[in-house]
Each structure stands twice: as structure tokens, then as C-alpha cells.
Amino acid sequence: MKLNEVKEFVKELRGLSQEELAKRENELKKELFELRFQAATGQLEQTARLKEVKKQI
């Protein structure tokens, strides 16, 4: 992520309520699980997405 993207991401997160943050965290964890599963089975095409999702969590 570039600096401007990070700033926008942080601004977006600060505007969310506790419930929305928890929901977002659960969605990211689910996506990370699915990406790891795809990587283990050799089906993952966007390997950089793993790193992005980890940083967002």
C-alpha cells in the first residue's frame, strides 16, 4: 500500500463503530483463511494479497 492509500484506510477505520470494526476484522480473517487455503493447495494467483490482508488485520 502506498502512503496515500494507508492514510485513506486509517481515516476510513477511524470513522467506523466498534461493531463495524469487529465485522470488518471477521471478514478479513475469513479472507485470510481462504487465501492460506488456496496457497496450500496451489490455487492462489494473487500471492501479494496475503500480505495485504495480514497488514489490514
PDB file of N, CA and C in Angstrom:
ATOM      1  N   MET A   1       0.840  -1.181   0.000  1.00  0.00           N
ATOM      2  CA  MET A   1       0.000   0.000   0.000  1.00  0.00           C
ATOM      3  C   MET A   1       0.885   1.245   0.000  1.00  0.00           C
ATOM      4  N   LYS A   2       0.459   2.213  -0.753  1.00  0.00           N
ATOM      5  CA  LYS A   2       1.182   3.473  -0.796  1.00  0.00           C
ATOM      6  C   LYS A   2       0.723   4.347   0.359  1.00  0.00           C
ATOM      7  N   LEU A   3       1.502   5.379   0.628  1.00  0.00           N
ATOM      8  CA  LEU A   3       1.224   6.243   1.773  1.00  0.00           C
ATOM      9  C   LEU A   3      -0.181   6.838   1.717  1.00  0.00           C
ATOM     10  N   ASN A   4      -0.591   7.305   0.564  1.00  0.00           N
ATOM     11  CA  ASN A   4      -1.934   7.884   0.440  1.00  0.00           C
ATOM     12  C   ASN A   4      -3.013   6.845   0.694  1.00  0.00           C
ATOM     13  N   GLU A   5      -2.781   5.630   0.218  1.00  0.00           N
ATOM     14  CA  GLU A   5      -3.745   4.552   0.446  1.00  0.00           C
ATOM     15  C   GLU A   5      -3.843   4.221   1.925  1.00  0.00           C
ATOM     16  N   VAL A   6      -2.707   4.228   2.612  1.00  0.00           N
ATOM     17  CA  VAL A   6      -2.687   3.939   4.046  1.00  0.00           C
ATOM     18  C   VAL A   6      -3.444   5.015   4.804  1.00  0.00           C
ATOM     19  N   LYS A   7      -3.215   6.266   4.442  1.00  0.00           N
ATOM     20  CA  LYS A   7      -3.914   7.368   5.112  1.00  0.00           C
ATOM     21  C   LYS A   7      -5.423   7.255   4.931  1.00  0.00           C
ATOM     22  N   GLU A   8      -5.860   6.940   3.728  1.00  0.00           N
ATOM     23  CA  GLU A   8      -7.288   6.778   3.463  1.00  0.00           C
ATOM     24  C   GLU A   8      -7.858   5.598   4.240  1.00  0.00           C
ATOM     25  N   PHE A   9      -7.092   4.508   4.304  1.00  0.00           N
ATOM     26  CA  PHE A   9      -7.527   3.319   5.029  1.00  0.00           C
ATOM     27  C   PHE A   9      -7.697   3.630   6.516  1.00  0.00           C
ATOM     28  N   VAL A  10      -6.737   4.348   7.090  1.00  0.00           N
ATOM     29  CA  VAL A  10      -6.803   4.708   8.508  1.00  0.00           C
ATOM     30  C   VAL A  10      -7.975   5.645   8.760  1.00  0.00           C
ATOM     31  N   LYS A  11      -8.172   6.602   7.870  1.00  0.00           N
ATOM     32  CA  LYS A  11      -9.293   7.537   8.017  1.00  0.00           C
ATOM     33  C   LYS A  11     -10.621   6.781   7.985  1.00  0.00           C
ATOM     34  N   GLU A  12     -10.711   5.820   7.091  1.00  0.00           N
ATOM     35  CA  GLU A  12     -11.929   5.009   6.978  1.00  0.00           C
ATOM     36  C   GLU A  12     -12.167   4.210   8.257  1.00  0.00           C
ATOM     37  N   LEU A  13     -11.116   3.606   8.796  1.00  0.00           N
ATOM     38  CA  LEU A  13     -11.254   2.805  10.013  1.00  0.00           C
ATOM     39  C   LEU A  13     -11.666   3.652  11.212  1.00  0.00           C
ATOM     40  N   ARG A  14     -11.134   4.843  11.296  1.00  0.00           N
ATOM     41  CA  ARG A  14     -11.468   5.719  12.426  1.00  0.00           C
ATOM     42  C   ARG A  14     -12.927   6.138  12.414  1.00  0.00           C
ATOM     43  N   GLY A  15     -13.540   6.126  11.257  1.00  0.00           N
ATOM     44  CA  GLY A  15     -14.938   6.517  11.146  1.00  0.00           C
ATOM     45  C   GLY A  15     -15.918   5.393  11.436  1.00  0.00           C
ATOM     46  N   LEU A  16     -15.421   4.191  11.672  1.00  0.00           N
ATOM     47  CA  LEU A  16     -16.299   3.046  11.903  1.00  0.00           C
ATOM     48  C   LEU A  16     -16.604   2.861  13.384  1.00  0.00           C
ATOM     49  N   SER A  17     -17.765   2.292  13.663  1.00  0.00           N
ATOM     50  CA  SER A  17     -18.139   1.984  15.047  1.00  0.00           C
ATOM     51  C   SER A  17     -17.467   0.684  15.470  1.00  0.00           C
ATOM     52  N   GLN A  18     -17.587   0.344  16.741  1.00  0.00           N
ATOM     53  CA  GLN A  18     -16.985  -0.883  17.266  1.00  0.00           C
ATOM     54  C   GLN A  18     -17.543  -2.117  16.566  1.00  0.00           C
ATOM     55  N   GLU A  19     -18.851  -2.123  16.329  1.00  0.00           N
ATOM     56  CA  GLU A  19     -19.482  -3.266  15.674  1.00  0.00           C
ATOM     57  C   GLU A  19     -18.987  -3.419  14.241  1.00  0.00           C
ATOM     58  N   GLU A  20     -18.870  -2.280  13.552  1.00  0.00           N
ATOM     59  CA  GLU A  20     -18.394  -2.315  12.172  1.00  0.00           C
ATOM     60  C   GLU A  20     -16.939  -2.770  12.105  1.00  0.00           C
ATOM     61  N   LEU A  21     -16.129  -2.336  13.075  1.00  0.00           N
ATOM     62  CA  LEU A  21     -14.730  -2.769  13.127  1.00  0.00           C
ATOM     63  C   LEU A  21     -14.629  -4.270  13.367  1.00  0.00           C
ATOM     64  N   ALA A  22     -15.460  -4.779  14.263  1.00  0.00           N
ATOM     65  CA  ALA A  22     -15.449  -6.212  14.551  1.00  0.00           C
ATOM     66  C   ALA A  22     -15.884  -7.007  13.317  1.00  0.00           C
ATOM     67  N   LYS A  23     -16.897  -6.507  12.623  1.00  0.00           N
ATOM     68  CA  LYS A  23     -17.367  -7.176  11.407  1.00  0.00           C
ATOM     69  C   LYS A  23     -16.272  -7.174  10.347  1.00  0.00           C
ATOM     70  N   ARG A  24     -15.610  -6.045  10.198  1.00  0.00           N
ATOM     71  CA  ARG A  24     -14.524  -5.928   9.209  1.00  0.00           C
ATOM     72  C   ARG A  24     -13.384  -6.881   9.541  1.00  0.00           C
ATOM     73  N   GLU A  25     -13.043  -6.969  10.827  1.00  0.00           N
ATOM     74  CA  GLU A  25     -11.981  -7.878  11.258  1.00  0.00           C
ATOM     75  C   GLU A  25     -12.344  -9.328  10.932  1.00  0.00           C
ATOM     76  N   ASN A  26     -13.578  -9.712  11.215  1.00  0.00           N
ATOM     77  CA  ASN A  26     -14.024 -11.076  10.914  1.00  0.00           C
ATOM     78  C   ASN A  26     -13.964 -11.373   9.418  1.00  0.00           C
ATOM     79  N   GLU A  27     -14.367 -10.399   8.601  1.00  0.00           N
ATOM     80  CA  GLU A  27     -14.317 -10.590   7.152  1.00  0.00           C
ATOM     81  C   GLU A  27     -12.878 -10.772   6.674  1.00  0.00           C
ATOM     82  N   LEU A  28     -11.961  -9.960   7.218  1.00  0.00           N
ATOM     83  CA  LEU A  28     -10.557 -10.061   6.819  1.00  0.00           C
ATOM     84  C   LEU A  28      -9.942 -11.380   7.274  1.00  0.00           C
ATOM     85  N   LYS A  29     -10.303 -11.829   8.465  1.00  0.00           N
ATOM     86  CA  LYS A  29      -9.781 -13.109   8.950  1.00  0.00           C
ATOM     87  C   LYS A  29     -10.286 -14.262   8.091  1.00  0.00           C
ATOM     88  N   LYS A  30     -11.552 -14.177   7.678  1.00  0.00           N
ATOM     89  CA  LYS A  30     -12.114 -15.214   6.810  1.00  0.00           C
ATOM     90  C   LYS A  30     -11.402 -15.212   5.458  1.00  0.00           C
ATOM     91  N   GLU A  31     -11.177 -14.019   4.919  1.00  0.00           N
ATOM     92  CA  GLU A  31     -10.473 -13.915   3.640  1.00  0.00           C
ATOM     93  C   GLU A  31      -9.049 -14.453   3.757  1.00  0.00           C
ATOM     94  N   LEU A  32      -8.371 -14.143   4.867  1.00  0.00           N
ATOM     95  CA  LEU A  32      -7.014 -14.639   5.082  1.00  0.00           C
ATOM     96  C   LEU A  32      -6.997 -16.157   5.144  1.00  0.00           C
ATOM     97  N   PHE A  33      -7.973 -16.744   5.832  1.00  0.00           N
ATOM     98  CA  PHE A  33      -8.068 -18.201   5.906  1.00  0.00           C
ATOM     99  C   PHE A  33      -8.218 -18.798   4.512  1.00  0.00           C
ATOM    100  N   GLU A  34      -9.114 -18.206   3.720  1.00  0.00           N
ATOM    101  CA  GLU A  34      -9.348 -18.711   2.366  1.00  0.00           C
ATOM    102  C   GLU A  34      -8.100 -18.570   1.494  1.00  0.00           C
ATOM    103  N   LEU A  35      -7.386 -17.451   1.639  1.00  0.00           N
ATOM    104  CA  LEU A  35      -6.161 -17.250   0.866  1.00  0.00           C
ATOM    105  C   LEU A  35      -5.088 -18.259   1.257  1.00  0.00           C
ATOM    106  N   ARG A  36      -4.962 -18.515   2.546  1.00  0.00           N
ATOM    107  CA  ARG A  36      -3.982 -19.501   3.005  1.00  0.00           C
ATOM    108  C   ARG A  36      -4.335 -20.889   2.479  1.00  0.00           C
ATOM    109  N   PHE A  37      -5.610 -21.199   2.472  1.00  0.00           N
ATOM    110  CA  PHE A  37      -6.062 -22.491   1.959  1.00  0.00           C
ATOM    111  C   PHE A  37      -5.724 -22.613   0.473  1.00  0.00           C
ATOM    112  N   GLN A  38      -5.980 -21.550  -0.281  1.00  0.00           N
ATOM    113  CA  GLN A  38      -5.655 -21.556  -1.710  1.00  0.00           C
ATOM    114  C   GLN A  38      -4.154 -21.691  -1.929  1.00  0.00           C
ATOM    115  N   ALA A  39      -3.360 -21.027  -1.099  1.00  0.00           N
ATOM    116  CA  ALA A  39      -1.905 -21.113  -1.228  1.00  0.00           C
ATOM    117  C   ALA A  39      -1.424 -22.530  -0.953  1.00  0.00           C
ATOM    118  N   ALA A  40      -2.022 -23.178   0.022  1.00  0.00           N
ATOM    119  CA  ALA A  40      -1.615 -24.534   0.384  1.00  0.00           C
ATOM    120  C   ALA A  40      -1.968 -25.536  -0.709  1.00  0.00           C
ATOM    121  N   THR A  41      -3.045 -25.270  -1.428  1.00  0.00           N
ATOM    122  CA  THR A  41      -3.465 -26.195  -2.480  1.00  0.00           C
ATOM    123  C   THR A  41      -2.926 -25.796  -3.852  1.00  0.00           C
ATOM    124  N   GLY A  42      -2.153 -24.706  -3.898  1.00  0.00           N
ATOM    125  CA  GLY A  42      -1.550 -24.275  -5.157  1.00  0.00           C
ATOM    126  C   GLY A  42      -2.489 -23.546  -6.085  1.00  0.00           C
ATOM    127  N   GLN A  43      -3.586 -23.029  -5.579  1.00  0.00           N
ATOM    128  CA  GLN A  43      -4.581 -22.344  -6.410  1.00  0.00           C
ATOM    129  C   GLN A  43      -4.500 -20.825  -6.308  1.00  0.00           C
ATOM    130  N   LEU A  44      -3.631 -20.314  -5.451  1.00  0.00           N
ATOM    131  CA  LEU A  44      -3.557 -18.871  -5.217  1.00  0.00           C
ATOM    132  C   LEU A  44      -2.858 -18.182  -6.382  1.00  0.00           C
ATOM    133  N   GLU A  45      -3.526 -17.197  -6.978  1.00  0.00           N
ATOM    134  CA  GLU A  45      -2.957 -16.460  -8.102  1.00  0.00           C
ATOM    135  C   GLU A  45      -2.365 -15.130  -7.657  1.00  0.00           C
ATOM    136  N   GLN A  46      -2.976 -14.474  -6.690  1.00  0.00           N
ATOM    137  CA  GLN A  46      -2.500 -13.176  -6.222  1.00  0.00           C
ATOM    138  C   GLN A  46      -1.799 -13.355  -4.879  1.00  0.00           C
ATOM    139  N   THR A  47      -0.537 -13.723  -4.920  1.00  0.00           N
ATOM    140  CA  THR A  47       0.187 -14.003  -3.682  1.00  0.00           C
ATOM    141  C   THR A  47       0.383 -12.752  -2.835  1.00  0.00           C
ATOM    142  N   ALA A  48       0.432 -11.592  -3.447  1.00  0.00           N
ATOM    143  CA  ALA A  48       0.613 -10.350  -2.701  1.00  0.00           C
ATOM    144  C   ALA A  48      -0.603 -10.037  -1.831  1.00  0.00           C
ATOM    145  N   ARG A  49      -1.745 -10.583  -2.185  1.00  0.00           N
ATOM    146  CA  ARG A  49      -2.974 -10.326  -1.419  1.00  0.00           C
ATOM    147  C   ARG A  49      -2.855 -10.851   0.009  1.00  0.00           C
ATOM    148  N   LEU A  50      -2.104 -11.943   0.203  1.00  0.00           N
ATOM    149  CA  LEU A  50      -1.883 -12.481   1.548  1.00  0.00           C
ATOM    150  C   LEU A  50      -1.264 -11.416   2.448  1.00  0.00           C
ATOM    151  N   LYS A  51      -0.226 -10.774   1.959  1.00  0.00           N
ATOM    152  CA  LYS A  51       0.473  -9.754   2.733  1.00  0.00           C
ATOM    153  C   LYS A  51      -0.435  -8.553   3.020  1.00  0.00           C
ATOM    154  N   GLU A  52      -1.212  -8.147   2.024  1.00  0.00           N
ATOM    155  CA  GLU A  52      -2.117  -7.012   2.194  1.00  0.00           C
ATOM    156  C   GLU A  52      -3.149  -7.280   3.284  1.00  0.00           C
ATOM    157  N   VAL A  53      -3.739  -8.460   3.255  1.00  0.00           N
ATOM    158  CA  VAL A  53      -4.779  -8.797   4.231  1.00  0.00           C
ATOM    159  C   VAL A  53      -4.177  -8.881   5.629  1.00  0.00           C
ATOM    160  N   LYS A  54      -2.992  -9.461   5.755  1.00  0.00           N
ATOM    161  CA  LYS A  54      -2.339  -9.542   7.065  1.00  0.00           C
ATOM    162  C   LYS A  54      -2.111  -8.150   7.639  1.00  0.00           C
ATOM    163  N   LYS A  55      -1.681  -7.213   6.804  1.00  0.00           N
ATOM    164  CA  LYS A  55      -1.434  -5.847   7.275  1.00  0.00           C
ATOM    165  C   LYS A  55      -2.728  -5.159   7.691  1.00  0.00           C
ATOM    166  N   GLN A  56      -3.804  -5.448   6.981  1.00  0.00           N
ATOM    167  CA  GLN A  56      -5.076  -4.802   7.297  1.00  0.00           C
ATOM    168  C   GLN A  56      -5.660  -5.297   8.610  1.00  0.00           C
ATOM    169  N   ILE A  57      -5.355  -6.536   8.967  1.00  0.00           N
ATOM    170  CA  ILE A  57      -5.859  -7.079  10.230  1.00  0.00           C
ATOM    171  C   ILE A  57      -5.095  -6.410  11.342  1.00  0.00           C
TER     172      ILE A  57
END
